[in-house]
Amino acid sequence: MNAIDKLLTQIAKQHLGIETLEARNSDSLDFHDVAVWSLHDALRAAYEAGAQQKAK
């Protein structure tokens, strides 16, 4: 797993309660109900992480 995948997995865990972004070939494991405010927070975290990387 590369650094970007690790970061995205960390964001998914923190903001969405999703343990892995790997496909597990099971609907109950691969599809999640997510509140829009949690999705908003996760997208903002990903955007801010990208902006920080670009600024370096």
Protein backbone atom coordinates (compact mmCIF):
# COMPACT_ATOMS: atom_id res chain seq x y z
CA MET A 1 0.00 0.00 0.00
CA ASN A 2 1.47 3.35 -1.00
CA ALA A 3 1.43 6.56 1.06
CA ILE A 4 -1.64 7.98 -0.67
CA ASP A 5 -3.65 4.79 -0.06
CA LYS A 6 -2.57 4.81 3.59
CA LEU A 7 -3.68 8.42 3.98
CA LEU A 8 -7.05 7.78 2.31
CA THR A 9 -7.62 4.73 4.49
CA GLN A 10 -6.81 6.79 7.58
CA ILE A 11 -9.32 9.46 6.49
CA ALA A 12 -11.97 6.80 5.81
CA LYS A 13 -11.43 5.30 9.28
CA GLN A 14 -11.46 8.63 11.06
CA HIS A 15 -14.38 10.31 9.30
CA LEU A 16 -16.49 7.49 7.90
CA GLY A 17 -15.90 4.55 10.23
CA ILE A 18 -14.70 2.43 7.30
CA GLU A 19 -11.84 0.10 8.27
CA THR A 20 -10.46 -0.61 4.80
CA LEU A 21 -10.83 0.67 1.26
CA GLU A 22 -9.94 -2.73 -0.18
CA ALA A 23 -12.74 -4.58 -1.99
CA ARG A 24 -13.81 -7.63 0.02
CA ASN A 25 -16.37 -8.91 -2.50
CA SER A 26 -19.23 -8.78 -0.02
CA ASP A 27 -22.04 -6.25 -0.20
CA SER A 28 -22.26 -6.04 3.59
CA LEU A 29 -18.53 -5.21 3.79
CA ASP A 30 -18.09 -3.12 0.65
CA PHE A 31 -21.14 -0.82 0.79
CA HIS A 32 -21.65 1.65 3.63
CA ASP A 33 -24.34 4.11 4.70
CA VAL A 34 -22.58 7.40 5.31
CA ALA A 35 -23.98 10.66 6.65
CA VAL A 36 -23.46 13.60 4.31
CA TRP A 37 -21.67 15.58 7.03
CA SER A 38 -19.21 12.70 7.50
CA LEU A 39 -18.62 12.55 3.75
CA HIS A 40 -18.11 16.32 3.75
CA ASP A 41 -15.53 16.05 6.54
CA ALA A 42 -13.71 13.21 4.76
CA LEU A 43 -13.59 15.10 1.47
CA ARG A 44 -12.35 18.23 3.23
CA ALA A 45 -9.61 16.23 4.98
CA ALA A 46 -8.51 14.72 1.65
CA TYR A 47 -8.52 18.12 -0.02
CA GLU A 48 -6.50 19.69 2.79
CA ALA A 49 -4.00 16.82 2.73
CA GLY A 50 -3.55 17.35 -1.01
CA ALA A 51 -3.14 21.10 -0.57
CA GLN A 52 -0.47 20.52 2.09
CA GLN A 53 1.43 18.17 -0.23
CA LYS A 54 1.25 20.65 -3.08
CA ALA A 55 2.59 23.45 -0.85
CA LYS A 56 5.73 21.46 -0.03
